[in-house]
Every structure is written in C-alpha cells, then in structure tokens.
Amino acid sequence: MVNQNTIARNIGFTHEDFAALLDKYDYHFSPGDTVAGTVFSLEPRGALIDIGAKTAAYIPIQEMSINRVDSPEEVLQSNETREFFILTDENEDGQLTLSIRRIEYMRAWERVRQLQAEDATVRSQVFATNRGGALVRIEGLRGFIPGSHISTRTPKEDLVGQELPLKFLEVDEDRNRLVLSHRRALVERKMNRLEVGEVVVGTVRGIKPYGAFIDIGGVSGLLHISEISHDHIDTPHSVFNVNDEVKVMIIDLDAERGRISLSTKQLEPEAGDMVKNRQLVYDKAEEMAAKFREQMMAAQQGQQPEASQPSAASSVTVAPEAISVPDAVETAETTAIEEFPSAEE
C-alpha cells in the first residue's frame, strides 16, 4: 500500500506547496469591481458563482435584475458565464456577495444620459400614479412625470397601463432622479406642424388669474391675460368660459420648455374688439395674422413695413410674460418634482 508521504515524494509536491500556490495566485476582489463568473449552483433564493476565489460567491435573487425576479432560473442558467458586480466584501465565511442589478443600473443610466443628449423621445407605460404625477420605467429605471407635464384629458388615476411619449427633463444619477415630460413630447410633435403667426382653433380647457389654457389639437397653449386684448382686462373669466371655442394666433413656440404661447390681442382689428366684438376678431383673424407675419418678417430683416392704415395691431409686440409661464405654474412643477421617488426603488 502506498502512503501519502510516498506520493508526495514521488510527485515532489506537498499539501503545503499547494496551499502556498493558491495564496500566490489568489486574486484580490474588492467591492465595486466587475468580474467574470460561472454559475455552478442555483438555489431557491439565489445562486452560487465561481469567480476564481477560494470560496464560491453568492448572488441573492433581489440582485439578479433591475426588474422583479421570482426565481433565479428567470435570469441565470447552470454553467453560464457572465459579468457580475462585487457588492460586498467577504463575510466571516470568506464569501463575496455579487450583483447583476448594479451593472444593469449603471448601463441604464448611461443609456438615458445618451438619450437625453440626443433629445430623444421615448415611450413608456405608466405603472402607477401619486399626488404629484405618474410613474414609468425607462431602461428599467423608475421615472417620474410631474402632473404639470402630463398633457391629456384622461384623469390621472386612469393613466395606469397607458403608454405615453416622453421627453427628458432631468437625468441625475447621483440623486437618483429621472424626470420626464409628456407635455414636451406632444408639443414637439405638434410644433413640427405649427408656425409662429399661424391662426389655430382651440378650446378653453382651464382659466387662471394669469390667463387661459387652450387645447389646440391635443396640446395646451397659454393665452396670457396680457395677450387677450389691447384693452385692459381684470380677469380672463370676464372674456372666456371653459369649453369656449376660440381662434388664437401662435406667437411663440418653445420646444425646449414644451410651451406654446398664444394671442388674440394681435388679431384685433381695433383695440378692445375681443371684449366688444369677439366675432369680428375671429372673422378677421387670418387677415390680421397675415399683417402680423409681414411685420415680423420685416422686423427680422431690419426693415420697416410698408405704410398701412393704423389699427390696434399695427404695432406688433409680444409681451415677455406671454412667453413665460407665471411663477405659480413653475412653483407647482418644482413641488411635484421634489416629491418624485428614487429611481432605484
């Protein structure tokens, strides 16, 4: 019978030599590293992974995907080799904890940053709503649509399950904030078919002290109180009611902020006609809009327009406040965004 010492003498390699060799070639693994590993055992709530360490590493089921996973077999297969993220250092048993989810998150944030840089429009299904807005997933990340950036007649609670076109407002990986706008996506699409100086027919959908919101083909434009008439108006309620059909002219298209600014003042043949004779304004709308476009073009070319009969619209001015939504609206948007949950939740 051959004993172990005889074998050791014959091969010239002892157990101590083998242990020293393992120590020599043992790799140092640190949290945050990405390593290749092979699945060699699927467990009910996780999997054991060979990454070349002395002890098999472990990946819990909750770290297997950016999406919900009910069983390891949905993500991993025995003997499969793939990349893993080292999540924690060795425990008391010398075992490392791994993650696939973290790799997917890093790649997802990289992808949404790229999409934002391209000013891309993405589509996503609403999976929940809250007091501040709606929740969607983009590349597996949780995104938030503030209520002020949802442009639809559908009640917010009925949006769950609906797919919406969206534009990026904020992509901040450090703060886990992914904020999107449905309104901007719709406005951009609509803007491709609209021009400044164009007359459109819309419906009054909301009235605020600072102006009326007009639905024009599924997107909302602001008719600021200063752009209703050349005459002073105390409140938009004195001129319009909700659901009124109106003719308005587009005076500004802000694709970056997703805003359309409107005017009826520029369509008045005489000052105060929107208050005294609204139908006359609508009847003469195209004619007055043509004059507006001529004067706008002349102003752009640095020329004076040909002399014309003086009227309320003979001097075209766009009030700065007509182009920017008032502070009340901005504050509402900011409040909604602050309530938005972490993208990793």
Protein backbone atom coordinates (compact mmCIF):
# COMPACT_ATOMS: atom_id res chain seq x y z
CA MET A 1 0.00 0.00 0.00
CA VAL A 2 1.32 3.43 -0.98
CA ASN A 3 1.01 6.09 1.69
CA GLN A 4 0.56 9.87 1.19
CA ASN A 5 4.20 10.63 2.02
CA THR A 6 5.33 8.25 -0.73
CA ILE A 7 3.01 10.04 -3.23
CA ALA A 8 4.32 13.42 -2.10
CA ARG A 9 7.93 12.19 -2.54
CA ASN A 10 7.17 10.79 -5.98
CA ILE A 11 5.49 13.93 -7.34
CA GLY A 12 7.63 16.36 -5.36
CA PHE A 13 4.56 18.44 -4.38
CA THR A 14 3.19 18.62 -0.83
CA HIS A 15 -0.11 19.94 0.56
CA GLU A 16 1.84 22.88 1.92
CA ASP A 17 3.18 23.59 -1.56
CA PHE A 18 -0.37 23.50 -2.96
CA ALA A 19 -1.64 25.95 -0.29
CA ALA A 20 1.26 28.31 -0.99
CA LEU A 21 0.48 28.17 -4.69
CA LEU A 22 -3.16 29.08 -4.04
CA ASP A 23 -2.05 32.05 -1.94
CA LYS A 24 0.36 33.14 -4.67
CA TYR A 25 -2.30 33.17 -7.37
CA ASP A 26 -5.25 34.23 -5.25
CA TYR A 27 -6.90 37.29 -6.76
CA HIS A 28 -7.88 40.23 -4.61
CA PHE A 29 -11.56 41.10 -5.05
CA SER A 30 -12.94 44.45 -3.92
CA PRO A 31 -16.49 45.83 -3.74
CA GLY A 32 -17.20 47.81 -6.89
CA ASP A 33 -15.17 45.52 -9.16
CA THR A 34 -16.76 43.81 -12.14
CA VAL A 35 -15.66 40.20 -12.64
CA ALA A 36 -16.47 37.23 -14.84
CA GLY A 37 -18.13 34.32 -13.08
CA THR A 38 -19.71 30.96 -13.87
CA VAL A 39 -22.97 29.76 -12.36
CA PHE A 40 -22.49 26.34 -10.78
CA SER A 41 -25.44 26.08 -8.38
CA LEU A 42 -28.93 27.59 -8.48
CA GLU A 43 -30.51 27.96 -5.05
CA PRO A 44 -34.18 28.73 -4.18
CA ARG A 45 -33.41 32.39 -3.41
CA GLY A 46 -30.05 32.92 -5.09
CA ALA A 47 -27.12 31.27 -6.85
CA LEU A 48 -23.50 30.27 -6.18
CA ILE A 49 -21.00 31.72 -8.63
CA ASP A 50 -17.41 30.68 -9.32
CA ILE A 51 -15.33 33.83 -9.81
CA GLY A 52 -11.95 32.23 -9.08
CA ALA A 53 -11.98 32.97 -5.36
CA LYS A 54 -11.30 30.32 -2.69
CA THR A 55 -14.99 30.32 -1.75
CA ALA A 56 -17.92 30.46 -4.13
CA ALA A 57 -19.53 33.89 -4.30
CA TYR A 58 -23.28 34.32 -3.77
CA ILE A 59 -25.86 36.40 -5.62
CA PRO A 60 -29.25 36.86 -3.89
CA ILE A 61 -32.35 36.87 -6.06
CA GLN A 62 -33.04 40.56 -5.41
CA GLU A 63 -29.67 41.41 -7.02
CA MET A 64 -30.25 39.39 -10.18
CA SER A 65 -32.05 42.02 -12.23
CA ILE A 66 -33.15 45.63 -12.36
CA ASN A 67 -36.66 44.20 -12.74
CA ARG A 68 -38.60 41.96 -10.37
CA VAL A 69 -37.45 38.32 -10.40
CA ASP A 70 -39.46 35.47 -8.85
CA SER A 71 -36.97 32.65 -9.41
CA PRO A 72 -33.22 32.52 -10.27
CA GLU A 73 -33.97 30.47 -13.39
CA GLU A 74 -35.57 33.56 -14.97
CA VAL A 75 -32.13 35.15 -15.18
CA LEU A 76 -29.40 32.52 -14.78
CA GLN A 77 -28.61 29.07 -16.20
CA SER A 78 -26.22 26.46 -14.80
CA ASN A 79 -22.69 26.73 -16.24
CA GLU A 80 -23.49 30.14 -17.73
CA THR A 81 -20.58 32.61 -17.66
CA ARG A 82 -21.27 36.33 -17.43
CA GLU A 83 -20.27 39.57 -15.69
CA PHE A 84 -21.02 40.21 -12.03
CA PHE A 85 -20.61 43.27 -9.82
CA ILE A 86 -18.96 42.71 -6.42
CA LEU A 87 -21.44 44.20 -3.99
CA THR A 88 -19.88 43.48 -0.59
CA ASP A 89 -16.58 42.29 0.81
CA GLU A 90 -16.07 38.76 2.16
CA ASN A 91 -18.24 37.76 5.12
CA GLU A 92 -17.00 35.64 8.05
CA ASP A 93 -17.10 32.58 5.79
CA GLY A 94 -14.96 34.26 3.15
CA GLN A 95 -17.90 34.61 0.75
CA LEU A 96 -18.45 37.63 -1.52
CA THR A 97 -21.90 38.96 -2.47
CA LEU A 98 -22.49 39.70 -6.14
CA SER A 99 -24.98 41.72 -8.18
CA ILE A 100 -26.22 41.88 -11.77
CA ARG A 101 -28.70 44.61 -10.88
CA ARG A 102 -25.94 47.16 -10.24
CA ILE A 103 -24.42 46.52 -13.67
CA GLU A 104 -27.81 46.97 -15.28
CA TYR A 105 -28.35 50.22 -13.36
CA MET A 106 -25.01 51.64 -14.46
CA ARG A 107 -25.72 50.77 -18.08
CA ALA A 108 -29.29 52.08 -17.83
CA TRP A 109 -28.10 55.47 -16.54
CA GLU A 110 -25.51 55.61 -19.31
CA ARG A 111 -28.23 54.89 -21.86
CA VAL A 112 -30.69 57.52 -20.56
CA ARG A 113 -27.90 60.13 -20.46
CA GLN A 114 -27.24 59.32 -24.11
CA LEU A 115 -30.96 59.57 -24.94
CA GLN A 116 -31.17 62.92 -23.15
CA ALA A 117 -28.13 64.21 -25.06
CA GLU A 118 -29.86 63.20 -28.30
CA ASP A 119 -33.09 64.90 -27.11
CA ALA A 120 -34.81 61.62 -27.94
CA THR A 121 -38.49 60.91 -27.47
CA VAL A 122 -39.11 57.63 -25.60
CA ARG A 123 -42.32 55.72 -24.96
CA SER A 124 -43.19 54.09 -21.66
CA GLN A 125 -46.21 52.66 -19.89
CA VAL A 126 -47.50 54.29 -16.70
CA PHE A 127 -47.40 51.73 -13.88
CA ALA A 128 -48.57 53.96 -11.00
CA THR A 129 -49.73 57.46 -10.13
CA ASN A 130 -49.44 59.55 -6.98
CA ARG A 131 -50.42 63.00 -5.76
CA GLY A 132 -47.59 64.64 -7.69
CA GLY A 133 -47.78 62.83 -11.03
CA ALA A 134 -47.20 59.48 -12.72
CA LEU A 135 -44.51 56.79 -12.57
CA VAL A 136 -42.96 55.00 -15.56
CA ARG A 137 -39.89 52.86 -16.27
CA ILE A 138 -37.21 53.91 -18.75
CA GLU A 139 -34.49 51.33 -19.46
CA GLY A 140 -35.60 49.67 -16.21
CA LEU A 141 -35.17 52.87 -14.16
CA ARG A 142 -38.10 54.42 -12.34
CA GLY A 143 -39.01 57.77 -13.84
CA PHE A 144 -41.41 60.47 -12.69
CA ILE A 145 -43.75 62.64 -14.77
CA PRO A 146 -44.87 65.73 -12.78
CA GLY A 147 -48.60 66.38 -13.01
CA SER A 148 -47.90 69.70 -14.74
CA HIS A 149 -46.13 67.78 -17.52
CA ILE A 150 -48.97 65.34 -18.19
CA SER A 151 -50.93 66.63 -21.17
CA THR A 152 -54.06 64.51 -21.53
CA ARG A 153 -57.76 64.77 -20.78
CA THR A 154 -57.66 61.34 -19.14
CA PRO A 155 -57.92 61.51 -15.33
CA LYS A 156 -54.54 60.87 -13.79
CA GLU A 157 -55.66 57.72 -11.97
CA ASP A 158 -56.85 56.24 -15.29
CA LEU A 159 -53.40 56.60 -16.89
CA VAL A 160 -52.10 53.35 -15.38
CA GLY A 161 -51.41 50.94 -18.23
CA GLN A 162 -51.32 53.67 -20.89
CA GLU A 163 -48.17 54.17 -22.98
CA LEU A 164 -47.05 57.80 -23.30
CA PRO A 165 -44.45 59.55 -25.47
CA LEU A 166 -41.95 61.31 -23.20
CA LYS A 167 -39.04 63.75 -23.28
CA PHE A 168 -36.31 64.01 -20.64
CA LEU A 169 -36.40 66.91 -18.18
CA GLU A 170 -33.76 65.75 -15.68
CA VAL A 171 -31.30 62.85 -15.62
CA ASP A 172 -29.32 62.84 -12.36
CA GLU A 173 -27.75 59.51 -11.39
CA ASP A 174 -26.15 60.92 -8.22
CA ARG A 175 -29.58 61.91 -6.85
CA ASN A 176 -31.46 59.02 -8.49
CA ARG A 177 -33.72 61.50 -10.25
CA LEU A 178 -35.20 60.72 -13.64
CA VAL A 179 -37.87 63.30 -14.53
CA LEU A 180 -39.80 63.25 -17.80
CA SER A 181 -42.38 65.30 -19.67
CA HIS A 182 -45.36 64.05 -21.63
CA ARG A 183 -46.28 67.63 -22.49
CA ARG A 184 -42.91 68.35 -24.12
CA ALA A 185 -43.16 65.25 -26.30
CA LEU A 186 -46.62 66.22 -27.52
CA VAL A 187 -45.69 69.86 -28.01
CA GLU A 188 -42.60 68.92 -30.02
CA ARG A 189 -44.64 66.66 -32.26
CA LYS A 190 -47.29 69.34 -32.64
CA MET A 191 -44.69 72.05 -33.15
CA ASN A 192 -43.39 70.26 -36.21
CA ARG A 193 -46.70 71.20 -37.84
CA LEU A 194 -47.11 74.68 -36.31
CA GLU A 195 -45.59 78.06 -37.10
CA VAL A 196 -45.38 81.39 -35.29
CA GLY A 197 -48.02 83.65 -36.81
CA GLU A 198 -50.37 80.78 -37.61
CA VAL A 199 -54.06 81.00 -36.63
CA VAL A 200 -55.49 77.90 -34.98
CA VAL A 201 -58.83 76.97 -33.46
CA GLY A 202 -58.79 75.66 -29.91
CA THR A 203 -60.91 75.01 -26.85
CA VAL A 204 -60.57 76.69 -23.47
CA ARG A 205 -59.65 73.92 -21.02
CA GLY A 206 -58.71 75.96 -17.97
CA ILE A 207 -58.79 79.54 -16.74
CA LYS A 208 -56.36 81.01 -14.22
CA PRO A 209 -55.93 84.57 -12.98
CA TYR A 210 -52.93 84.96 -15.30
CA GLY A 211 -54.51 83.53 -18.46
CA ALA A 212 -56.40 80.77 -20.23
CA PHE A 213 -55.08 77.36 -21.27
CA ILE A 214 -56.21 76.49 -24.78
CA ASP A 215 -56.26 72.95 -26.17
CA ILE A 216 -55.07 73.01 -29.78
CA GLY A 217 -55.12 69.55 -31.25
CA GLY A 218 -54.26 67.70 -28.06
CA VAL A 219 -51.61 70.07 -26.68
CA SER A 220 -52.08 73.03 -24.38
CA GLY A 221 -51.06 76.61 -25.16
CA LEU A 222 -51.16 79.60 -22.81
CA LEU A 223 -53.15 82.68 -23.74
CA HIS A 224 -51.71 85.09 -21.20
CA ILE A 225 -54.02 87.80 -19.86
CA SER A 226 -51.77 90.45 -21.41
CA GLU A 227 -52.30 88.84 -24.84
CA ILE A 228 -56.13 88.71 -24.75
CA SER A 229 -56.81 92.33 -25.78
CA HIS A 230 -55.21 95.73 -26.23
CA ASP A 231 -57.79 96.95 -23.69
CA HIS A 232 -57.15 96.26 -20.01
CA ILE A 233 -58.77 93.08 -18.69
CA ASP A 234 -59.19 92.42 -14.98
CA THR A 235 -59.52 88.65 -15.29
CA PRO A 236 -59.70 86.10 -18.15
CA HIS A 237 -63.02 84.91 -16.68
CA SER A 238 -64.59 88.16 -17.92
CA VAL A 239 -63.85 87.13 -21.52
CA PHE A 240 -63.83 83.32 -21.64
CA ASN A 241 -65.59 80.32 -20.18
CA VAL A 242 -64.27 76.76 -20.00
CA ASN A 243 -65.13 74.83 -23.20
CA ASP A 244 -65.39 78.02 -25.30
CA GLU A 245 -64.11 77.53 -28.85
CA VAL A 246 -61.63 80.26 -29.72
CA LYS A 247 -59.44 81.42 -32.57
CA VAL A 248 -55.92 82.28 -31.47
CA MET A 249 -52.61 83.07 -33.08
CA ILE A 250 -49.34 81.39 -32.14
CA ILE A 251 -46.79 83.98 -31.03
CA ASP A 252 -44.09 81.71 -29.58
CA LEU A 253 -43.04 78.05 -29.81
CA ASP A 254 -40.60 76.95 -27.11
CA ALA A 255 -39.78 73.32 -27.88
CA GLU A 256 -37.12 73.08 -25.17
CA ARG A 257 -39.57 74.01 -22.43
CA GLY A 258 -42.58 72.45 -24.14
CA ARG A 259 -44.58 75.67 -24.29
CA ILE A 260 -46.87 77.30 -26.84
CA SER A 261 -47.77 80.95 -26.31
CA LEU A 262 -50.93 82.31 -27.90
CA SER A 263 -52.54 85.68 -28.59
CA THR A 264 -55.91 87.13 -29.55
CA LYS A 265 -54.71 90.69 -28.97
CA GLN A 266 -52.64 90.57 -32.16
CA LEU A 267 -55.80 89.61 -34.08
CA GLU A 268 -57.86 92.65 -33.00
CA PRO A 269 -58.72 94.99 -35.90
CA GLU A 270 -59.28 97.70 -33.28
CA ALA A 271 -58.25 97.87 -29.66
CA GLY A 272 -60.77 96.17 -27.39
CA ASP A 273 -62.53 94.14 -30.10
CA MET A 274 -62.01 90.91 -28.11
CA VAL A 275 -64.20 92.42 -25.40
CA LYS A 276 -66.66 94.35 -27.58
CA ASN A 277 -66.96 92.23 -30.74
CA ARG A 278 -65.24 88.87 -30.48
CA GLN A 279 -66.83 87.51 -33.67
CA LEU A 280 -65.29 90.33 -35.70
CA VAL A 281 -61.86 89.32 -34.36
CA TYR A 282 -62.46 85.74 -35.45
CA ASP A 283 -63.75 86.82 -38.87
CA LYS A 284 -60.68 89.00 -39.48
CA ALA A 285 -58.20 86.60 -37.79
CA GLU A 286 -56.42 85.35 -40.93
CA GLU A 287 -56.16 88.87 -42.34
CA MET A 288 -54.68 90.26 -39.12
CA ALA A 289 -52.35 87.27 -38.80
CA ALA A 290 -51.04 87.92 -42.32
CA LYS A 291 -50.20 91.50 -41.28
CA PHE A 292 -48.52 90.16 -38.14
CA ARG A 293 -46.33 87.84 -40.23
CA GLU A 294 -45.40 90.62 -42.64
CA GLN A 295 -44.34 92.88 -39.79
CA MET A 296 -42.49 90.05 -38.07
CA MET A 297 -40.58 89.28 -41.26
CA ALA A 298 -39.78 92.94 -41.79
CA ALA A 299 -38.52 93.22 -38.22
CA GLN A 300 -36.30 90.17 -38.74
CA GLN A 301 -34.86 91.73 -41.88
CA GLY A 302 -34.34 95.06 -40.13
CA GLN A 303 -36.78 96.83 -42.47
CA GLN A 304 -39.79 98.98 -41.88
CA PRO A 305 -43.07 97.57 -43.22
CA GLU A 306 -44.94 99.50 -45.87
CA ALA A 307 -47.23 102.18 -44.53
CA SER A 308 -50.63 100.78 -43.74
CA GLN A 309 -53.81 102.08 -42.21
CA PRO A 310 -53.28 102.39 -38.46
CA SER A 311 -55.01 99.81 -36.33
CA ALA A 312 -54.70 98.20 -32.93
CA ALA A 313 -52.42 95.59 -34.47
CA SER A 314 -50.21 97.97 -36.47
CA SER A 315 -47.54 97.70 -33.81
CA VAL A 316 -46.75 94.08 -33.03
CA THR A 317 -45.31 93.47 -29.59
CA VAL A 318 -45.07 90.19 -27.75
CA ALA A 319 -45.24 90.72 -24.02
CA PRO A 320 -42.41 88.88 -22.21
CA GLU A 321 -44.87 87.46 -19.73
CA ALA A 322 -46.83 85.89 -22.60
CA ILE A 323 -43.86 83.72 -23.45
CA SER A 324 -43.07 82.51 -19.96
CA VAL A 325 -45.45 80.61 -17.72
CA PRO A 326 -46.02 82.53 -14.45
CA ASP A 327 -44.29 81.71 -11.20
CA ALA A 328 -47.36 79.88 -9.89
CA VAL A 329 -47.02 77.24 -12.58
CA GLU A 330 -43.24 76.92 -12.12
CA THR A 331 -43.71 76.51 -8.37
CA ALA A 332 -46.25 73.76 -8.91
CA GLU A 333 -43.81 71.91 -11.16
CA THR A 334 -40.97 72.23 -8.67
CA THR A 335 -43.14 70.94 -5.82
CA ALA A 336 -44.23 67.95 -7.86
CA ILE A 337 -40.66 67.06 -8.83
CA GLU A 338 -39.47 67.25 -5.23
CA GLU A 339 -41.97 64.51 -4.37
CA PHE A 340 -40.60 62.18 -7.01
CA PRO A 341 -39.25 58.88 -5.63
CA SER A 342 -35.81 57.39 -6.09
CA ALA A 343 -35.16 55.84 -9.49
CA GLU A 344 -33.74 52.75 -7.80
CA GLU A 345 -36.78 51.97 -5.67
